[in-house]
C-alpha cells in the first residue's frame, strides 16, 4: 500500500492519463464524424483538455520542489509527468494539423491509427492505475506489453498508409497535408509507448 502522502503523485498521474484519454476520444470522434467546418470549434474543445492536463503537471512539479518524501525518485516523477503530458500535447497536434493543412476528406487508415491511439491511452490509464501497488500488480507487465504491441501495429499501419498516399493521391497539397497528419498520429503512438517504457523502468528500479 502506498504511503498516504504518495497519493498526491499517483492521483496526478491518473488525472494526466485521464486527460490523455479524453483527448484521444475527442480526436477519434472528430475523425469518425469528420466535418471540416467544425474543426475550429473542436480545436477549442481539445485545447481546454490540454490546458487542464498542463495544470495537473504544473501542480505536481510545484509540489515536487518542496516534498520531503516521494514514492520514487524525483527525476522519475518529473519524467513520467512530462511524458504523460506529451501524449495529450501530441494528440492536440494532430487536430491542429488537420486544420491548418486544410484536410477536407478523411482517410480510412487515419481512422485506424486514431483508434489505436484511443486503445493505447486507455491502457495507459489502466497502467498508471496499477502504480500504487506496482510491487504486487498482476497486470502491469501485461499492460506495458499491450501498449508496446499497439505502437508496433501503428508503425505498420503508418508505413502502409504513407505508401498508399504517395502512390494513389494526385493532389500534391493533400500529400503534404496527410504526410504531416500521419506522422503526428504515429508520434502519438510513440509517446504512449514512451509512457509504458518509463513506467516499466520505474518499476524495475524500485522492485
N, C-alpha and C. Protein backbone atom coordinates (compact mmCIF):
# COMPACT_ATOMS: atom_id res chain seq x y z
N UNK A 1 0.85 -1.20 0.00
CA UNK A 1 0.00 0.00 0.00
C UNK A 1 0.89 1.24 0.00
N UNK A 2 0.58 2.19 -0.86
CA UNK A 2 1.35 3.43 -0.92
C UNK A 2 1.14 4.25 0.35
N UNK A 3 2.18 4.99 0.76
CA UNK A 3 2.03 5.88 1.90
C UNK A 3 1.00 6.95 1.56
N UNK A 4 0.35 7.50 2.58
CA UNK A 4 -0.73 8.46 2.37
C UNK A 4 -0.25 9.65 1.56
N UNK A 5 0.95 10.15 1.84
CA UNK A 5 1.43 11.34 1.14
C UNK A 5 1.89 11.03 -0.29
N UNK A 6 1.96 9.77 -0.64
CA UNK A 6 2.26 9.39 -2.02
C UNK A 6 1.06 9.59 -2.94
N UNK A 7 -0.12 9.60 -2.37
CA UNK A 7 -1.33 9.58 -3.19
C UNK A 7 -1.42 10.82 -4.09
N UNK A 8 -0.84 11.94 -3.66
CA UNK A 8 -0.88 13.15 -4.49
C UNK A 8 -0.29 12.88 -5.87
N UNK A 9 0.86 12.19 -5.91
CA UNK A 9 1.53 11.93 -7.17
C UNK A 9 0.76 10.89 -7.99
N UNK A 10 0.33 9.83 -7.34
CA UNK A 10 -0.41 8.79 -8.07
C UNK A 10 -1.73 9.34 -8.61
N UNK A 11 -2.38 10.20 -7.84
CA UNK A 11 -3.61 10.84 -8.33
C UNK A 11 -3.30 11.75 -9.52
N UNK A 12 -2.17 12.43 -9.45
CA UNK A 12 -1.78 13.30 -10.56
C UNK A 12 -1.51 12.52 -11.83
N UNK A 13 -0.82 11.38 -11.69
CA UNK A 13 -0.58 10.53 -12.86
C UNK A 13 -1.91 10.06 -13.45
N UNK A 14 -2.83 9.67 -12.57
CA UNK A 14 -4.13 9.19 -13.04
C UNK A 14 -4.89 10.31 -13.77
N UNK A 15 -4.87 11.52 -13.21
CA UNK A 15 -5.55 12.63 -13.86
C UNK A 15 -4.93 12.92 -15.23
N UNK A 16 -3.61 12.88 -15.30
CA UNK A 16 -2.93 13.12 -16.58
C UNK A 16 -3.33 12.07 -17.61
N UNK A 17 -3.37 10.82 -17.19
CA UNK A 17 -3.77 9.75 -18.11
C UNK A 17 -5.23 9.90 -18.53
N UNK A 18 -6.08 10.32 -17.60
CA UNK A 18 -7.49 10.54 -17.93
C UNK A 18 -7.65 11.65 -18.97
N UNK A 19 -6.85 12.71 -18.85
CA UNK A 19 -6.93 13.78 -19.85
C UNK A 19 -6.43 13.30 -21.21
N UNK A 20 -5.40 12.46 -21.21
CA UNK A 20 -4.94 11.88 -22.48
C UNK A 20 -6.05 11.06 -23.12
N UNK A 21 -6.79 10.30 -22.30
CA UNK A 21 -7.91 9.52 -22.82
C UNK A 21 -9.01 10.42 -23.38
N UNK A 22 -9.30 11.49 -22.66
CA UNK A 22 -10.31 12.43 -23.16
C UNK A 22 -9.89 13.01 -24.50
N UNK A 23 -8.62 13.38 -24.62
CA UNK A 23 -8.11 13.95 -25.87
C UNK A 23 -8.18 12.92 -27.00
N UNK A 24 -7.82 11.68 -26.69
CA UNK A 24 -7.84 10.63 -27.72
C UNK A 24 -9.26 10.36 -28.20
N UNK A 25 -10.20 10.30 -27.28
CA UNK A 25 -11.59 10.06 -27.66
C UNK A 25 -12.15 11.24 -28.47
N UNK A 26 -11.77 12.46 -28.10
CA UNK A 26 -12.21 13.61 -28.85
C UNK A 26 -11.66 13.57 -30.28
N UNK A 27 -10.37 13.27 -30.41
CA UNK A 27 -9.77 13.17 -31.73
C UNK A 27 -10.47 12.10 -32.57
N UNK A 28 -10.70 10.95 -31.97
CA UNK A 28 -11.37 9.87 -32.69
C UNK A 28 -12.77 10.28 -33.14
N UNK A 29 -13.49 10.96 -32.26
CA UNK A 29 -14.84 11.40 -32.60
C UNK A 29 -14.81 12.40 -33.76
N UNK A 30 -13.87 13.35 -33.70
CA UNK A 30 -13.74 14.33 -34.78
C UNK A 30 -13.46 13.63 -36.10
N UNK A 31 -12.60 12.64 -36.08
CA UNK A 31 -12.19 11.98 -37.31
C UNK A 31 -13.28 11.05 -37.86
N UNK A 32 -13.97 10.37 -36.97
CA UNK A 32 -15.02 9.44 -37.42
C UNK A 32 -16.27 10.17 -37.90
N UNK A 33 -16.50 11.37 -37.41
CA UNK A 33 -17.66 12.17 -37.83
C UNK A 33 -17.15 13.44 -38.52
N UNK A 34 -16.20 13.28 -39.40
CA UNK A 34 -15.41 14.41 -39.89
C UNK A 34 -16.25 15.45 -40.61
N UNK A 35 -16.11 16.68 -40.14
CA UNK A 35 -16.75 17.84 -40.75
C UNK A 35 -15.75 19.00 -40.68
N UNK A 36 -15.12 19.35 -41.80
CA UNK A 36 -14.11 20.41 -41.78
C UNK A 36 -14.62 21.72 -41.20
N UNK A 37 -15.91 21.98 -41.36
CA UNK A 37 -16.47 23.24 -40.86
C UNK A 37 -16.47 23.32 -39.34
N UNK A 38 -16.39 22.16 -38.67
CA UNK A 38 -16.42 22.15 -37.21
C UNK A 38 -15.04 22.04 -36.58
N UNK A 39 -14.01 21.96 -37.40
CA UNK A 39 -12.67 21.72 -36.86
C UNK A 39 -12.22 22.80 -35.88
N UNK A 40 -12.48 24.06 -36.21
CA UNK A 40 -12.01 25.15 -35.34
C UNK A 40 -12.65 25.06 -33.96
N UNK A 41 -13.94 24.76 -33.93
CA UNK A 41 -14.63 24.63 -32.65
C UNK A 41 -14.09 23.44 -31.86
N UNK A 42 -13.85 22.33 -32.54
CA UNK A 42 -13.35 21.15 -31.84
C UNK A 42 -11.93 21.36 -31.35
N UNK A 43 -11.15 22.18 -32.06
CA UNK A 43 -9.81 22.53 -31.58
C UNK A 43 -9.88 23.26 -30.24
N UNK A 44 -10.88 24.11 -30.09
CA UNK A 44 -11.05 24.81 -28.81
C UNK A 44 -11.36 23.82 -27.69
N UNK A 45 -12.20 22.82 -27.99
CA UNK A 45 -12.50 21.77 -27.00
C UNK A 45 -11.23 21.02 -26.62
N UNK A 46 -10.43 20.70 -27.63
CA UNK A 46 -9.19 19.97 -27.38
C UNK A 46 -8.22 20.82 -26.55
N UNK A 47 -8.16 22.10 -26.85
CA UNK A 47 -7.21 22.95 -26.13
C UNK A 47 -7.58 23.07 -24.65
N UNK A 48 -8.87 23.04 -24.35
CA UNK A 48 -9.28 23.07 -22.94
C UNK A 48 -8.79 21.82 -22.21
N UNK A 49 -8.84 20.68 -22.87
CA UNK A 49 -8.32 19.45 -22.27
C UNK A 49 -6.82 19.57 -22.06
N UNK A 50 -6.12 20.07 -23.08
CA UNK A 50 -4.67 20.20 -22.99
C UNK A 50 -4.26 21.16 -21.86
N UNK A 51 -4.99 22.25 -21.70
CA UNK A 51 -4.68 23.20 -20.62
C UNK A 51 -4.91 22.59 -19.25
N UNK A 52 -5.98 21.82 -19.11
CA UNK A 52 -6.26 21.15 -17.84
C UNK A 52 -5.15 20.15 -17.52
N UNK A 53 -4.66 19.44 -18.54
CA UNK A 53 -3.56 18.49 -18.33
C UNK A 53 -2.29 19.23 -17.92
N UNK A 54 -2.03 20.37 -18.52
CA UNK A 54 -0.87 21.18 -18.14
C UNK A 54 -0.94 21.60 -16.67
N UNK A 55 -2.12 21.96 -16.22
CA UNK A 55 -2.29 22.40 -14.84
C UNK A 55 -1.95 21.26 -13.86
N UNK A 56 -2.36 20.06 -14.21
CA UNK A 56 -2.03 18.90 -13.36
C UNK A 56 -0.51 18.75 -13.27
N UNK A 57 0.15 18.82 -14.40
CA UNK A 57 1.60 18.67 -14.41
C UNK A 57 2.27 19.77 -13.59
N UNK A 58 1.82 21.00 -13.75
CA UNK A 58 2.43 22.11 -13.01
C UNK A 58 2.25 21.94 -11.50
N UNK A 59 1.09 21.49 -11.08
CA UNK A 59 0.86 21.25 -9.64
C UNK A 59 1.79 20.18 -9.11
N UNK A 60 1.98 19.13 -9.89
CA UNK A 60 2.87 18.06 -9.45
C UNK A 60 4.31 18.55 -9.33
N UNK A 61 4.76 19.33 -10.30
CA UNK A 61 6.14 19.81 -10.25
C UNK A 61 6.33 20.82 -9.13
N UNK A 62 5.32 21.65 -8.87
CA UNK A 62 5.41 22.60 -7.75
C UNK A 62 5.52 21.85 -6.42
N UNK A 63 4.74 20.80 -6.27
CA UNK A 63 4.80 20.01 -5.04
C UNK A 63 6.13 19.29 -4.91
N UNK A 64 6.65 18.84 -6.03
CA UNK A 64 7.89 18.06 -6.02
C UNK A 64 9.06 18.89 -5.51
N UNK A 65 9.02 20.19 -5.74
CA UNK A 65 10.12 21.07 -5.32
C UNK A 65 10.29 21.06 -3.81
N UNK A 66 9.17 20.99 -3.07
CA UNK A 66 9.23 21.11 -1.61
C UNK A 66 8.97 19.80 -0.88
N UNK A 67 8.65 18.74 -1.61
CA UNK A 67 8.29 17.46 -0.96
C UNK A 67 9.49 16.88 -0.22
N UNK A 68 9.21 16.35 0.97
CA UNK A 68 10.26 15.71 1.77
C UNK A 68 10.37 14.23 1.42
N UNK A 69 9.21 13.60 1.21
CA UNK A 69 9.17 12.17 0.88
C UNK A 69 8.41 12.00 -0.43
N UNK A 70 8.96 11.19 -1.33
CA UNK A 70 8.28 10.89 -2.60
C UNK A 70 8.24 9.38 -2.79
N UNK A 71 7.27 8.88 -3.56
CA UNK A 71 7.13 7.42 -3.71
C UNK A 71 8.28 6.78 -4.47
N UNK A 72 8.93 7.53 -5.35
CA UNK A 72 10.16 7.09 -6.01
C UNK A 72 10.95 8.33 -6.42
N UNK A 73 12.06 8.15 -7.12
CA UNK A 73 12.98 9.27 -7.38
C UNK A 73 12.25 10.48 -7.98
N UNK A 74 12.66 11.66 -7.52
CA UNK A 74 12.07 12.89 -8.03
C UNK A 74 12.20 13.00 -9.55
N UNK A 75 13.38 12.60 -10.05
CA UNK A 75 13.59 12.68 -11.50
C UNK A 75 12.61 11.80 -12.26
N UNK A 76 12.31 10.65 -11.70
CA UNK A 76 11.37 9.74 -12.36
C UNK A 76 9.94 10.29 -12.31
N UNK A 77 9.58 10.92 -11.20
CA UNK A 77 8.25 11.53 -11.09
C UNK A 77 8.13 12.65 -12.12
N UNK A 78 9.15 13.49 -12.21
CA UNK A 78 9.11 14.60 -13.16
C UNK A 78 9.06 14.08 -14.60
N UNK A 79 9.83 13.04 -14.88
CA UNK A 79 9.86 12.48 -16.24
C UNK A 79 8.51 11.87 -16.62
N UNK A 80 7.93 11.08 -15.72
CA UNK A 80 6.65 10.45 -16.03
C UNK A 80 5.56 11.50 -16.20
N UNK A 81 5.57 12.52 -15.36
CA UNK A 81 4.61 13.61 -15.50
C UNK A 81 4.76 14.29 -16.86
N UNK A 82 6.00 14.51 -17.27
CA UNK A 82 6.28 15.18 -18.54
C UNK A 82 5.79 14.36 -19.73
N UNK A 83 6.10 13.07 -19.74
CA UNK A 83 5.75 12.28 -20.93
C UNK A 83 4.26 11.95 -20.98
N UNK A 84 3.60 11.89 -19.83
CA UNK A 84 2.14 11.77 -19.85
C UNK A 84 1.52 13.02 -20.49
N UNK A 85 2.06 14.17 -20.15
CA UNK A 85 1.57 15.41 -20.74
C UNK A 85 1.86 15.47 -22.23
N UNK A 86 2.98 14.88 -22.65
CA UNK A 86 3.34 14.84 -24.07
C UNK A 86 2.29 14.12 -24.90
N UNK A 87 1.68 13.07 -24.31
CA UNK A 87 0.66 12.32 -25.05
C UNK A 87 -0.49 13.24 -25.43
N UNK A 88 -0.99 13.99 -24.45
CA UNK A 88 -2.09 14.93 -24.72
C UNK A 88 -1.66 16.00 -25.71
N UNK A 89 -0.45 16.52 -25.56
CA UNK A 89 0.06 17.54 -26.49
C UNK A 89 0.10 17.01 -27.92
N UNK A 90 0.57 15.78 -28.08
CA UNK A 90 0.69 15.20 -29.42
C UNK A 90 -0.68 14.97 -30.06
N UNK A 91 -1.64 14.55 -29.24
CA UNK A 91 -2.99 14.34 -29.76
C UNK A 91 -3.58 15.67 -30.23
N UNK A 92 -3.38 16.71 -29.42
CA UNK A 92 -3.84 18.04 -29.85
C UNK A 92 -3.17 18.44 -31.16
N UNK A 93 -1.90 18.09 -31.32
CA UNK A 93 -1.17 18.43 -32.52
C UNK A 93 -1.76 17.84 -33.78
N UNK A 94 -2.33 16.64 -33.68
CA UNK A 94 -2.97 16.02 -34.85
C UNK A 94 -4.13 16.88 -35.32
N UNK A 95 -4.96 17.29 -34.39
CA UNK A 95 -6.12 18.11 -34.74
C UNK A 95 -5.70 19.45 -35.33
N UNK A 96 -4.67 20.05 -34.74
CA UNK A 96 -4.16 21.33 -35.26
C UNK A 96 -3.73 21.17 -36.71
N UNK A 97 -3.05 20.09 -37.00
CA UNK A 97 -2.52 19.91 -38.35
C UNK A 97 -3.63 19.63 -39.37
N UNK A 98 -4.66 18.93 -38.97
CA UNK A 98 -5.79 18.74 -39.88
C UNK A 98 -6.41 20.08 -40.24
N UNK A 99 -6.41 21.00 -39.28
CA UNK A 99 -7.00 22.32 -39.51
C UNK A 99 -6.12 23.18 -40.42
N UNK A 100 -4.85 23.38 -40.04
CA UNK A 100 -4.06 24.33 -40.84
C UNK A 100 -3.49 23.73 -42.11
N UNK A 101 -3.50 22.38 -42.25
CA UNK A 101 -3.15 21.76 -43.53
C UNK A 101 -4.37 21.62 -44.44
N UNK A 102 -5.53 22.07 -43.93
CA UNK A 102 -6.76 22.10 -44.72
C UNK A 102 -7.17 20.71 -45.21
N UNK A 103 -7.19 19.75 -44.29
CA UNK A 103 -7.72 18.42 -44.62
C UNK A 103 -9.23 18.56 -44.83
N UNK A 104 -9.71 18.03 -45.94
CA UNK A 104 -11.14 18.17 -46.27
C UNK A 104 -11.87 16.83 -46.33
N UNK A 105 -11.11 15.74 -46.51
CA UNK A 105 -11.72 14.41 -46.60
C UNK A 105 -10.93 13.45 -45.72
N UNK A 106 -11.63 12.65 -44.92
CA UNK A 106 -10.96 11.71 -44.02
C UNK A 106 -10.53 10.46 -44.78
N UNK A 107 -9.45 9.86 -44.30
CA UNK A 107 -8.91 8.63 -44.90
C UNK A 107 -9.07 7.48 -43.92
N UNK A 108 -9.38 6.30 -44.43
CA UNK A 108 -9.71 5.14 -43.60
C UNK A 108 -8.53 4.72 -42.72
N UNK A 109 -7.33 4.74 -43.27
CA UNK A 109 -6.18 4.30 -42.48
C UNK A 109 -5.86 5.28 -41.35
N UNK A 110 -6.23 6.55 -41.53
CA UNK A 110 -6.08 7.51 -40.43
C UNK A 110 -7.03 7.18 -39.29
N UNK A 111 -8.22 6.71 -39.62
CA UNK A 111 -9.16 6.28 -38.58
C UNK A 111 -8.61 5.09 -37.80
N UNK A 112 -7.97 4.18 -38.50
CA UNK A 112 -7.34 3.04 -37.83
C UNK A 112 -6.30 3.51 -36.82
N UNK A 113 -5.48 4.46 -37.24
CA UNK A 113 -4.43 4.95 -36.34
C UNK A 113 -5.03 5.70 -35.16
N UNK A 114 -6.08 6.47 -35.40
CA UNK A 114 -6.73 7.19 -34.29
C UNK A 114 -7.31 6.20 -33.28
N UNK A 115 -7.91 5.14 -33.77
CA UNK A 115 -8.46 4.12 -32.87
C UNK A 115 -7.36 3.43 -32.06
N UNK A 116 -6.21 3.25 -32.67
CA UNK A 116 -5.08 2.67 -31.95
C UNK A 116 -4.61 3.60 -30.83
N UNK A 117 -4.62 4.90 -31.10
CA UNK A 117 -4.23 5.86 -30.06
C UNK A 117 -5.22 5.81 -28.90
N UNK A 118 -6.51 5.67 -29.19
CA UNK A 118 -7.50 5.54 -28.13
C UNK A 118 -7.20 4.31 -27.28
N UNK A 119 -6.96 3.18 -27.93
CA UNK A 119 -6.68 1.94 -27.17
C UNK A 119 -5.42 2.08 -26.32
N UNK A 120 -4.40 2.71 -26.89
CA UNK A 120 -3.15 2.88 -26.13
C UNK A 120 -3.38 3.78 -24.92
N UNK A 121 -4.15 4.85 -25.08
CA UNK A 121 -4.41 5.75 -23.96
C UNK A 121 -5.24 5.06 -22.88
N UNK A 122 -6.19 4.25 -23.28
CA UNK A 122 -6.98 3.52 -22.29
C UNK A 122 -6.11 2.57 -21.48
N UNK A 123 -5.15 1.97 -22.14
CA UNK A 123 -4.23 1.08 -21.42
C UNK A 123 -3.25 1.87 -20.55
N UNK A 124 -2.88 3.06 -20.99
CA UNK A 124 -2.05 3.92 -20.13
C UNK A 124 -2.80 4.25 -18.84
N UNK A 125 -4.09 4.57 -18.97
CA UNK A 125 -4.89 4.88 -17.78
C UNK A 125 -4.91 3.69 -16.82
N UNK A 126 -5.08 2.50 -17.39
CA UNK A 126 -5.05 1.30 -16.55
C UNK A 126 -3.67 1.08 -15.94
N UNK A 127 -2.63 1.37 -16.73
CA UNK A 127 -1.25 1.17 -16.27
C UNK A 127 -0.92 2.06 -15.08
N UNK A 128 -1.20 3.36 -15.18
CA UNK A 128 -0.88 4.24 -14.07
C UNK A 128 -1.78 3.95 -12.86
N UNK A 129 -2.94 3.36 -13.12
CA UNK A 129 -3.78 2.93 -12.01
C UNK A 129 -3.17 1.81 -11.19
N UNK A 130 -2.24 1.09 -11.80
CA UNK A 130 -1.54 0.00 -11.10
C UNK A 130 -0.32 0.47 -10.32
N UNK A 131 0.11 1.71 -10.55
CA UNK A 131 1.36 2.18 -9.93
C UNK A 131 1.35 2.14 -8.40
N UNK A 132 0.26 2.52 -7.71
CA UNK A 132 0.32 2.50 -6.25
C UNK A 132 0.61 1.11 -5.67
N UNK A 133 0.25 0.06 -6.39
CA UNK A 133 0.51 -1.30 -5.91
C UNK A 133 1.38 -2.07 -6.89
N UNK A 134 2.37 -1.36 -7.48
CA UNK A 134 3.13 -1.98 -8.57
C UNK A 134 3.89 -3.23 -8.14
N UNK A 135 4.27 -3.33 -6.88
CA UNK A 135 5.06 -4.48 -6.45
C UNK A 135 4.25 -5.78 -6.44
N UNK A 136 2.93 -5.66 -6.39
CA UNK A 136 2.12 -6.88 -6.38
C UNK A 136 1.09 -6.90 -7.51
N UNK A 137 1.25 -5.99 -8.46
CA UNK A 137 0.31 -5.94 -9.58
C UNK A 137 0.45 -7.18 -10.45
N UNK A 138 -0.68 -7.75 -10.84
CA UNK A 138 -0.68 -8.91 -11.72
C UNK A 138 -0.86 -8.53 -13.19
N UNK A 139 -1.16 -7.25 -13.44
CA UNK A 139 -1.48 -6.84 -14.81
C UNK A 139 -0.53 -5.79 -15.37
N UNK A 140 0.35 -5.22 -14.57
CA UNK A 140 1.17 -4.11 -15.02
C UNK A 140 2.04 -4.50 -16.21
N UNK A 141 2.74 -5.62 -16.12
CA UNK A 141 3.61 -6.04 -17.22
C UNK A 141 2.80 -6.33 -18.48
N UNK A 142 1.63 -6.89 -18.32
CA UNK A 142 0.77 -7.18 -19.46
C UNK A 142 0.34 -5.89 -20.16
N UNK A 143 0.04 -4.87 -19.36
CA UNK A 143 -0.37 -3.58 -19.93
C UNK A 143 0.79 -2.92 -20.69
N UNK A 144 2.00 -3.01 -20.15
CA UNK A 144 3.17 -2.50 -20.86
C UNK A 144 3.32 -3.20 -22.20
N UNK A 145 3.17 -4.51 -22.20
CA UNK A 145 3.29 -5.29 -23.44
C UNK A 145 2.20 -4.89 -24.44
N UNK A 146 0.98 -4.70 -23.95
CA UNK A 146 -0.12 -4.31 -24.83
C UNK A 146 0.16 -2.98 -25.52
N UNK A 147 0.66 -2.00 -24.75
CA UNK A 147 0.95 -0.68 -25.33
C UNK A 147 2.08 -0.78 -26.35
N UNK A 148 3.11 -1.57 -26.04
CA UNK A 148 4.20 -1.76 -26.99
C UNK A 148 3.69 -2.40 -28.28
N UNK A 149 2.77 -3.35 -28.14
CA UNK A 149 2.21 -4.02 -29.32
C UNK A 149 1.39 -3.05 -30.17
N UNK A 150 0.60 -2.21 -29.51
CA UNK A 150 -0.19 -1.22 -30.25
C UNK A 150 0.73 -0.29 -31.03
N UNK A 151 1.82 0.14 -30.41
CA UNK A 151 2.75 1.04 -31.10
C UNK A 151 3.36 0.35 -32.32
N UNK A 152 3.71 -0.91 -32.19
CA UNK A 152 4.26 -1.66 -33.34
C UNK A 152 3.23 -1.77 -34.45
N UNK A 153 2.01 -2.08 -34.09
CA UNK A 153 0.94 -2.18 -35.09
C UNK A 153 0.69 -0.83 -35.76
N UNK A 154 0.76 0.25 -34.98
CA UNK A 154 0.57 1.59 -35.55
C UNK A 154 1.67 1.92 -36.54
N UNK A 155 2.90 1.48 -36.25
CA UNK A 155 4.01 1.68 -37.19
C UNK A 155 3.70 1.02 -38.53
N UNK A 156 3.16 -0.21 -38.48
CA UNK A 156 2.84 -0.94 -39.70
C UNK A 156 1.75 -0.22 -40.50
N UNK A 157 0.71 0.25 -39.80
CA UNK A 157 -0.35 0.98 -40.49
C UNK A 157 0.20 2.27 -41.09
N UNK A 158 1.07 2.94 -40.35
CA UNK A 158 1.68 4.17 -40.83
C UNK A 158 2.44 3.95 -42.14
N UNK A 159 3.25 2.90 -42.18
CA UNK A 159 4.04 2.61 -43.38
C UNK A 159 3.14 2.37 -44.59
N UNK A 160 2.10 1.55 -44.39
CA UNK A 160 1.20 1.24 -45.49
C UNK A 160 0.37 2.47 -45.89
N UNK A 161 0.00 3.28 -44.91
CA UNK A 161 -0.77 4.50 -45.20
C UNK A 161 0.06 5.47 -46.03
N UNK A 162 1.33 5.62 -45.67
CA UNK A 162 2.20 6.51 -46.43
C UNK A 162 2.43 5.99 -47.84
N UNK A 163 2.57 4.68 -47.96
CA UNK A 163 2.74 4.07 -49.29
C UNK A 163 1.50 4.34 -50.16
N UNK A 164 0.34 4.11 -49.60
CA UNK A 164 -0.91 4.34 -50.33
C UNK A 164 -1.06 5.81 -50.70
N UNK A 165 -0.74 6.68 -49.77
CA UNK A 165 -0.84 8.12 -50.02
C UNK A 165 0.02 8.53 -51.21
N UNK A 166 1.27 8.08 -51.22
CA UNK A 166 2.21 8.53 -52.24
C UNK A 166 2.02 7.84 -53.59
N UNK A 167 1.26 6.75 -53.61
CA UNK A 167 1.05 6.05 -54.88
C UNK A 167 -0.35 6.26 -55.45
N UNK A 168 -1.25 6.85 -54.66
CA UNK A 168 -2.63 6.95 -55.15
C UNK A 168 -3.20 8.37 -55.14
N UNK A 169 -2.56 9.29 -54.45
CA UNK A 169 -3.08 10.65 -54.36
C UNK A 169 -2.39 11.54 -55.40
N UNK A 170 -3.19 12.20 -56.22
CA UNK A 170 -2.65 13.04 -57.29
C UNK A 170 -2.53 14.52 -56.89
N UNK A 171 -3.03 14.87 -55.73
CA UNK A 171 -3.01 16.26 -55.27
C UNK A 171 -1.79 16.46 -54.37
N UNK A 172 -0.78 17.18 -54.83
CA UNK A 172 0.45 17.33 -54.02
C UNK A 172 0.20 18.02 -52.69
N UNK A 173 -0.78 18.92 -52.63
CA UNK A 173 -1.06 19.60 -51.37
C UNK A 173 -1.65 18.62 -50.35
N UNK A 174 -2.51 17.73 -50.80
CA UNK A 174 -3.07 16.73 -49.89
C UNK A 174 -2.02 15.71 -49.46
N UNK A 175 -1.09 15.40 -50.36
CA UNK A 175 0.03 14.52 -49.99
C UNK A 175 0.82 15.15 -48.84
N UNK A 176 1.13 16.43 -48.98
CA UNK A 176 1.87 17.14 -47.93
C UNK A 176 1.06 17.19 -46.63
N UNK A 177 -0.23 17.48 -46.76
CA UNK A 177 -1.08 17.59 -45.57
C UNK A 177 -1.15 16.26 -44.83
N UNK A 178 -1.42 15.19 -45.57
CA UNK A 178 -1.58 13.90 -44.91
C UNK A 178 -0.25 13.32 -44.42
N UNK A 179 0.82 13.66 -45.10
CA UNK A 179 2.14 13.27 -44.58
C UNK A 179 2.31 13.81 -43.16
N UNK A 180 1.94 15.06 -42.96
CA UNK A 180 2.03 15.71 -41.66
C UNK A 180 1.11 15.05 -40.63
N UNK A 181 -0.13 14.80 -41.03
CA UNK A 181 -1.11 14.22 -40.10
C UNK A 181 -0.71 12.80 -39.71
N UNK A 182 -0.35 11.98 -40.70
CA UNK A 182 0.07 10.60 -40.40
C UNK A 182 1.27 10.58 -39.46
N UNK A 183 2.22 11.46 -39.72
CA UNK A 183 3.43 11.47 -38.89
C UNK A 183 3.09 11.81 -37.44
N UNK A 184 2.16 12.70 -37.25
CA UNK A 184 1.81 13.07 -35.88
C UNK A 184 0.91 12.04 -35.20
N UNK A 185 0.12 11.32 -35.97
CA UNK A 185 -0.60 10.18 -35.40
C UNK A 185 0.38 9.12 -34.92
N UNK A 186 1.41 8.88 -35.72
CA UNK A 186 2.44 7.92 -35.31
C UNK A 186 3.15 8.41 -34.05
N UNK A 187 3.38 9.73 -33.96
CA UNK A 187 4.03 10.28 -32.77
C UNK A 187 3.20 10.04 -31.52
N UNK A 188 1.88 10.11 -31.65
CA UNK A 188 1.00 9.82 -30.51
C UNK A 188 1.24 8.41 -30.01
N UNK A 189 1.31 7.45 -30.93
CA UNK A 189 1.57 6.07 -30.53
C UNK A 189 2.95 5.92 -29.90
N UNK A 190 3.95 6.61 -30.47
CA UNK A 190 5.30 6.58 -29.90
C UNK A 190 5.31 7.13 -28.47
N UNK A 191 4.59 8.22 -28.25
CA UNK A 191 4.54 8.83 -26.92
C UNK A 191 3.86 7.90 -25.92
N UNK A 192 2.84 7.19 -26.37
CA UNK A 192 2.18 6.22 -25.48
C UNK A 192 3.16 5.12 -25.08
N UNK A 193 3.94 4.65 -26.05
CA UNK A 193 4.94 3.63 -25.75
C UNK A 193 5.99 4.17 -24.78
N UNK A 194 6.35 5.43 -24.93
CA UNK A 194 7.34 6.04 -24.03
C UNK A 194 6.82 6.03 -22.59
N UNK A 195 5.53 6.29 -22.41
CA UNK A 195 4.94 6.20 -21.07
C UNK A 195 5.09 4.78 -20.52
N UNK A 196 4.73 3.80 -21.34
CA UNK A 196 4.80 2.40 -20.89
C UNK A 196 6.24 2.02 -20.52
N UNK A 197 7.19 2.40 -21.35
CA UNK A 197 8.59 2.05 -21.08
C UNK A 197 9.12 2.76 -19.84
N UNK A 198 8.67 3.98 -19.62
CA UNK A 198 9.11 4.72 -18.43
C UNK A 198 8.54 4.10 -17.17
N UNK A 199 7.27 3.74 -17.20
CA UNK A 199 6.67 3.06 -16.05
C UNK A 199 7.41 1.75 -15.79
N UNK A 200 7.69 1.01 -16.84
CA UNK A 200 8.40 -0.27 -16.70
C UNK A 200 9.76 -0.06 -16.07
N UNK A 201 10.46 1.00 -16.47
CA UNK A 201 11.77 1.30 -15.90
C UNK A 201 11.67 1.68 -14.43
N UNK A 202 10.68 2.49 -14.08
CA UNK A 202 10.48 2.89 -12.68
C UNK A 202 10.21 1.67 -11.81
N UNK A 203 9.37 0.79 -12.32
CA UNK A 203 9.04 -0.43 -11.56
C UNK A 203 10.29 -1.28 -11.34
N UNK A 204 11.09 -1.44 -12.39
CA UNK A 204 12.31 -2.25 -12.28
C UNK A 204 13.27 -1.65 -11.25
N UNK A 205 13.39 -0.32 -11.23
CA UNK A 205 14.32 0.34 -10.31
C UNK A 205 13.85 0.24 -8.87
N UNK A 206 12.54 0.10 -8.66
CA UNK A 206 12.02 0.15 -7.29
C UNK A 206 11.49 -1.20 -6.80
N UNK A 207 11.78 -2.25 -7.52
CA UNK A 207 11.30 -3.58 -7.10
C UNK A 207 12.38 -4.33 -6.34
